[in-house]
Amino acid sequence: MTNSSTKCLLSGTALAVLLAFAPVNKANADGLFGDMMQGPHDWRGLYVGGQVGYAKGDYDFVIPNGLGFFELEPGGVIGGGHVGYNWQIDDIVFGIVGDANLTDLEDEQVFPMDNAGFTTDTEFTASLRIKMGITVDRALFYVTGGGAVATVDHSVLNTGNGDLFNYNERWLAGYTVGGGVEYAFNNWLSMFVEYRWTDLGEESFGARTLVSSTPAHSIELNYHQVQAGVSVSLGDWCAGM
């Protein structure tokens, strides 16, 4: 996926989140938020929505035998959609949620020994998580954690002439943990703010076509993300079961 298409899709995600609140004006505010102060919210059921925010990578490169160590810290907009299902017992809410995001976490570092430029780019992330929390009136304070995957494009270029030494495109898997707070404006619309830390582990890359003095190396990939989003409740399909 090209950078332009990624940025276009991210812009669309941000626009979708903003449009969720577009109908709110003086004429219909009472209809949309009229029940926001009418007691505790029922969080049970299926919900879908979108989110947008910022992600900051922490990518550690290690070239063995003391030949090199450096860090990349790419940052950028991250946005996408989510779907989940909640159960509730008194003030305790627990459920499962999956999300998918587009982003553009790209950074580059030059390895002076051979004029080799290391570039790593993450454009897609997804997770499947457990979500547990406690309600306070119409607010839900929660923690979340589960599995995560991401695509990683990694290349090594000759910074002198632009020749490509090596290129890899891989799926990495790891875990993600975090927490947040969500507020229900009425029986069907809520908004949340969430922080997560994702660890995709360490991945090794061979030296198949690299210059001889630039050996195999490994990358440890982690990133932080802070996102705000909206969710629309589709009702409790398990009612009466």
Protein backbone atom coordinates (compact mmCIF):
# COMPACT_ATOMS: atom_id res chain seq x y z
CA MET A 1 0.00 0.00 0.00
CA THR A 2 1.42 3.39 -0.96
CA ASN A 3 1.93 6.23 1.50
CA SER A 4 -0.64 8.35 -0.36
CA SER A 5 -3.34 5.69 -0.13
CA THR A 6 -2.55 5.09 3.54
CA LYS A 7 -2.85 8.80 4.31
CA CYS A 8 -6.11 8.96 2.32
CA LEU A 9 -7.64 6.10 4.31
CA LEU A 10 -6.46 7.59 7.61
CA SER A 11 -8.04 10.91 6.66
CA GLY A 12 -11.27 9.07 5.87
CA THR A 13 -11.23 7.41 9.28
CA ALA A 14 -10.77 10.75 11.03
CA LEU A 15 -13.60 12.24 8.97
CA ALA A 16 -15.91 9.34 9.86
CA VAL A 17 -15.28 9.87 13.57
CA LEU A 18 -16.00 13.60 13.24
CA LEU A 19 -19.14 12.99 11.19
CA ALA A 20 -20.53 10.84 13.99
CA PHE A 21 -21.06 14.11 15.85
CA ALA A 22 -22.02 16.19 12.81
CA PRO A 23 -25.80 15.91 13.37
CA VAL A 24 -25.44 17.56 16.79
CA ASN A 25 -26.79 21.09 16.66
CA LYS A 26 -29.13 23.21 18.71
CA ALA A 27 -32.21 21.77 17.04
CA ASN A 28 -31.50 18.11 17.70
CA ALA A 29 -29.11 18.08 20.67
CA ASP A 30 -31.91 17.17 23.05
CA GLY A 31 -32.84 14.17 20.94
CA LEU A 32 -29.28 12.92 20.67
CA PHE A 33 -28.07 13.52 24.22
CA GLY A 34 -31.33 13.90 26.06
CA ASP A 35 -30.88 10.80 28.23
CA MET A 36 -27.23 11.35 29.14
CA MET A 37 -28.02 12.10 32.78
CA GLN A 38 -30.72 9.46 33.32
CA GLY A 39 -28.80 6.98 35.45
CA PRO A 40 -26.40 4.09 34.78
CA HIS A 41 -25.86 2.82 31.25
CA ASP A 42 -26.43 -0.78 30.14
CA TRP A 43 -23.22 -1.79 28.34
CA ARG A 44 -24.40 -5.22 27.21
CA GLY A 45 -24.44 -6.18 23.57
CA LEU A 46 -22.77 -5.78 20.22
CA TYR A 47 -21.14 -2.52 19.16
CA VAL A 48 -19.13 -1.15 16.22
CA GLY A 49 -17.23 2.08 15.69
CA GLY A 50 -14.12 3.93 14.60
CA GLN A 51 -11.04 5.41 16.22
CA VAL A 52 -8.18 7.75 15.38
CA GLY A 53 -5.09 8.85 17.27
CA TYR A 54 -1.30 8.88 17.36
CA ALA A 55 1.26 6.07 17.53
CA LYS A 56 4.94 6.24 18.45
CA GLY A 57 7.29 3.38 17.63
CA ASP A 58 10.31 2.16 19.59
CA TYR A 59 12.30 -0.04 17.20
CA ASP A 60 15.67 -1.35 18.44
CA PHE A 61 18.17 -2.59 15.83
CA VAL A 62 20.90 -4.97 16.95
CA ILE A 63 23.79 -6.02 14.69
CA PRO A 64 25.64 -8.83 16.51
CA ASN A 65 29.29 -9.02 17.51
CA GLY A 66 29.28 -5.40 18.63
CA LEU A 67 28.98 -4.05 15.09
CA GLY A 68 26.05 -1.78 15.77
CA PHE A 69 23.02 -0.80 17.84
CA PHE A 70 20.59 2.02 17.15
CA GLU A 71 16.99 3.02 17.69
CA LEU A 72 14.25 4.19 15.37
CA GLU A 73 11.33 6.19 16.77
CA PRO A 74 8.75 6.58 13.99
CA GLY A 75 5.53 8.39 14.79
CA GLY A 76 2.31 9.09 12.95
CA VAL A 77 -1.47 9.08 12.79
CA ILE A 78 -3.20 5.74 13.39
CA GLY A 79 -6.87 5.08 12.70
CA GLY A 80 -9.37 2.39 11.82
CA GLY A 81 -12.43 0.52 13.04
CA HIS A 82 -13.48 -1.87 15.77
CA VAL A 83 -16.21 -4.35 16.70
CA GLY A 84 -16.91 -5.87 20.09
CA TYR A 85 -19.37 -7.52 22.43
CA ASN A 86 -19.94 -6.80 26.13
CA TRP A 87 -21.50 -8.72 28.99
CA GLN A 88 -22.41 -7.06 32.28
CA ILE A 89 -22.98 -8.26 35.86
CA ASP A 90 -24.01 -5.41 38.16
CA ASP A 91 -21.22 -2.80 37.83
CA ILE A 92 -18.73 -5.18 36.19
CA VAL A 93 -18.41 -5.19 32.39
CA PHE A 94 -16.39 -7.75 30.46
CA GLY A 95 -16.18 -8.53 26.78
CA ILE A 96 -14.12 -9.06 23.66
CA VAL A 97 -13.10 -6.50 21.05
CA GLY A 98 -11.21 -6.61 17.77
CA ASP A 99 -9.76 -3.67 15.91
CA ALA A 100 -7.83 -2.95 12.71
CA ASN A 101 -5.82 0.21 12.00
CA LEU A 102 -3.90 1.84 9.20
CA THR A 103 -0.82 3.89 10.04
CA ASP A 104 2.49 5.00 8.57
CA LEU A 105 5.24 4.42 11.15
CA GLU A 106 8.35 4.85 9.02
CA ASP A 107 11.89 5.83 9.98
CA GLU A 108 15.42 5.40 8.63
CA GLN A 109 18.91 5.11 10.08
CA VAL A 110 22.21 5.10 8.19
CA PHE A 111 24.85 2.47 9.12
CA PRO A 112 28.09 4.40 8.44
CA MET A 113 30.33 1.36 7.99
CA ASP A 114 28.85 0.55 4.56
CA ASN A 115 26.65 3.55 3.76
CA ALA A 116 23.69 1.26 4.38
CA GLY A 117 20.34 2.90 5.12
CA PHE A 118 17.98 0.79 7.24
CA THR A 119 14.29 1.65 6.73
CA THR A 120 11.37 0.11 8.60
CA ASP A 121 7.73 0.90 7.86
CA THR A 122 4.58 -0.33 9.63
CA GLU A 123 1.33 0.35 7.75
CA PHE A 124 -1.26 -2.03 9.25
CA THR A 125 -1.98 -3.25 12.78
CA ALA A 126 -4.77 -5.33 14.31
CA SER A 127 -5.64 -6.84 17.67
CA LEU A 128 -8.10 -9.20 19.36
CA ARG A 129 -8.48 -8.39 23.04
CA ILE A 130 -10.33 -9.03 26.29
CA LYS A 131 -11.83 -5.94 27.88
CA MET A 132 -12.83 -5.69 31.56
CA GLY A 133 -13.98 -2.72 33.58
CA ILE A 134 -16.19 -1.14 36.18
CA THR A 135 -18.99 1.35 35.61
CA VAL A 136 -19.47 4.64 37.44
CA ASP A 137 -22.80 6.14 36.44
CA ARG A 138 -22.53 6.36 32.62
CA ALA A 139 -18.74 5.98 32.50
CA LEU A 140 -16.78 2.76 32.03
CA PHE A 141 -13.20 2.53 33.32
CA TYR A 142 -11.49 -0.50 31.79
CA VAL A 143 -8.30 -2.42 31.13
CA THR A 144 -7.68 -4.44 27.99
CA GLY A 145 -5.18 -6.91 26.62
CA GLY A 146 -4.69 -9.62 24.03
CA GLY A 147 -2.94 -10.58 20.82
CA ALA A 148 -1.68 -8.17 18.17
CA VAL A 149 -0.36 -8.43 14.61
CA ALA A 150 1.27 -5.92 12.25
CA THR A 151 2.86 -5.72 8.83
CA VAL A 152 6.48 -4.62 8.68
CA ASP A 153 8.35 -3.58 5.53
CA HIS A 154 12.11 -3.58 6.09
CA SER A 155 14.70 -2.58 3.53
CA VAL A 156 18.43 -1.87 3.39
CA LEU A 157 19.63 0.60 0.75
CA ASN A 158 23.04 1.68 -0.43
CA THR A 159 22.90 5.36 0.47
CA GLY A 160 25.67 6.08 -2.02
CA ASN A 161 23.98 4.89 -5.21
CA GLY A 162 20.45 3.95 -4.09
CA ASP A 163 20.82 0.23 -4.85
CA LEU A 164 18.57 -2.08 -2.83
CA PHE A 165 20.64 -4.51 -0.75
CA ASN A 166 17.72 -6.33 0.86
CA TYR A 167 13.94 -6.10 1.25
CA ASN A 168 11.55 -7.99 3.54
CA GLU A 169 7.80 -7.73 4.06
CA ARG A 170 6.59 -9.72 7.06
CA TRP A 171 3.70 -10.21 9.43
CA LEU A 172 4.72 -9.99 13.09
CA ALA A 173 2.69 -11.17 16.07
CA GLY A 174 2.84 -10.18 19.73
CA TYR A 175 0.68 -8.77 22.50
CA THR A 176 -0.96 -5.49 23.45
CA VAL A 177 -2.09 -4.13 26.84
CA GLY A 178 -3.63 -0.89 28.01
CA GLY A 179 -6.69 0.81 29.38
CA GLY A 180 -9.10 3.65 28.96
CA VAL A 181 -12.34 5.34 29.85
CA GLU A 182 -15.59 5.35 27.86
CA TYR A 183 -18.66 7.51 28.35
CA ALA A 184 -22.17 6.73 27.09
CA PHE A 185 -24.00 9.83 25.90
CA ASN A 186 -27.22 7.87 25.46
CA ASN A 187 -28.35 4.29 24.93
CA TRP A 188 -26.59 3.88 21.58
CA LEU A 189 -23.67 6.34 21.32
CA SER A 190 -20.49 6.38 23.41
CA MET A 191 -17.01 7.87 23.13
CA PHE A 192 -13.73 6.55 24.53
CA VAL A 193 -10.10 7.52 25.03
CA GLU A 194 -7.58 4.67 25.23
CA TYR A 195 -3.85 4.06 25.63
CA ARG A 196 -2.12 0.83 24.58
CA TRP A 197 1.40 -0.57 24.52
CA THR A 198 2.13 -3.19 21.86
CA ASP A 199 5.12 -5.53 21.79
CA LEU A 200 5.70 -7.38 18.50
CA GLY A 201 8.81 -9.19 19.73
CA GLU A 202 12.17 -9.52 18.02
CA GLU A 203 12.53 -10.42 14.36
CA SER A 204 15.75 -11.55 12.65
CA PHE A 205 16.70 -10.60 9.11
CA GLY A 206 19.27 -12.49 7.08
CA ALA A 207 22.21 -11.09 5.13
CA ARG A 208 21.37 -12.88 1.87
CA THR A 209 22.12 -9.99 -0.46
CA LEU A 210 23.68 -7.51 1.92
CA VAL A 211 27.25 -6.38 1.47
CA SER A 212 29.61 -8.72 3.23
CA SER A 213 30.45 -6.43 6.15
CA THR A 214 26.78 -5.71 6.93
CA PRO A 215 25.73 -8.96 8.62
CA ALA A 216 22.42 -10.42 9.68
CA HIS A 217 20.61 -8.26 12.20
CA SER A 218 17.52 -8.26 14.42
CA ILE A 219 14.84 -5.69 15.19
CA GLU A 220 12.77 -5.45 18.36
CA LEU A 221 9.50 -3.68 17.56
CA ASN A 222 7.28 -1.95 20.12
CA TYR A 223 4.94 1.00 19.89
CA HIS A 224 2.67 3.20 22.00
CA GLN A 225 -0.70 4.44 20.79
CA VAL A 226 -3.27 6.89 22.14
CA GLN A 227 -6.66 6.94 20.41
CA ALA A 228 -10.09 8.47 20.75
CA GLY A 229 -13.11 6.86 19.16
CA VAL A 230 -16.85 6.47 19.01
CA SER A 231 -18.94 3.31 19.36
CA VAL A 232 -22.51 2.64 18.30
CA SER A 233 -24.45 0.01 20.24
CA LEU A 234 -26.39 -2.52 18.16
CA GLY A 235 -28.20 -4.07 21.12
CA ASP A 236 -27.94 -7.18 23.25
CA TRP A 237 -28.30 -10.19 20.95
CA CYS A 238 -27.91 -12.51 23.93
CA ALA A 239 -30.87 -11.10 25.85
CA GLY A 240 -32.95 -13.90 27.28
CA MET A 241 -30.34 -16.59 26.65
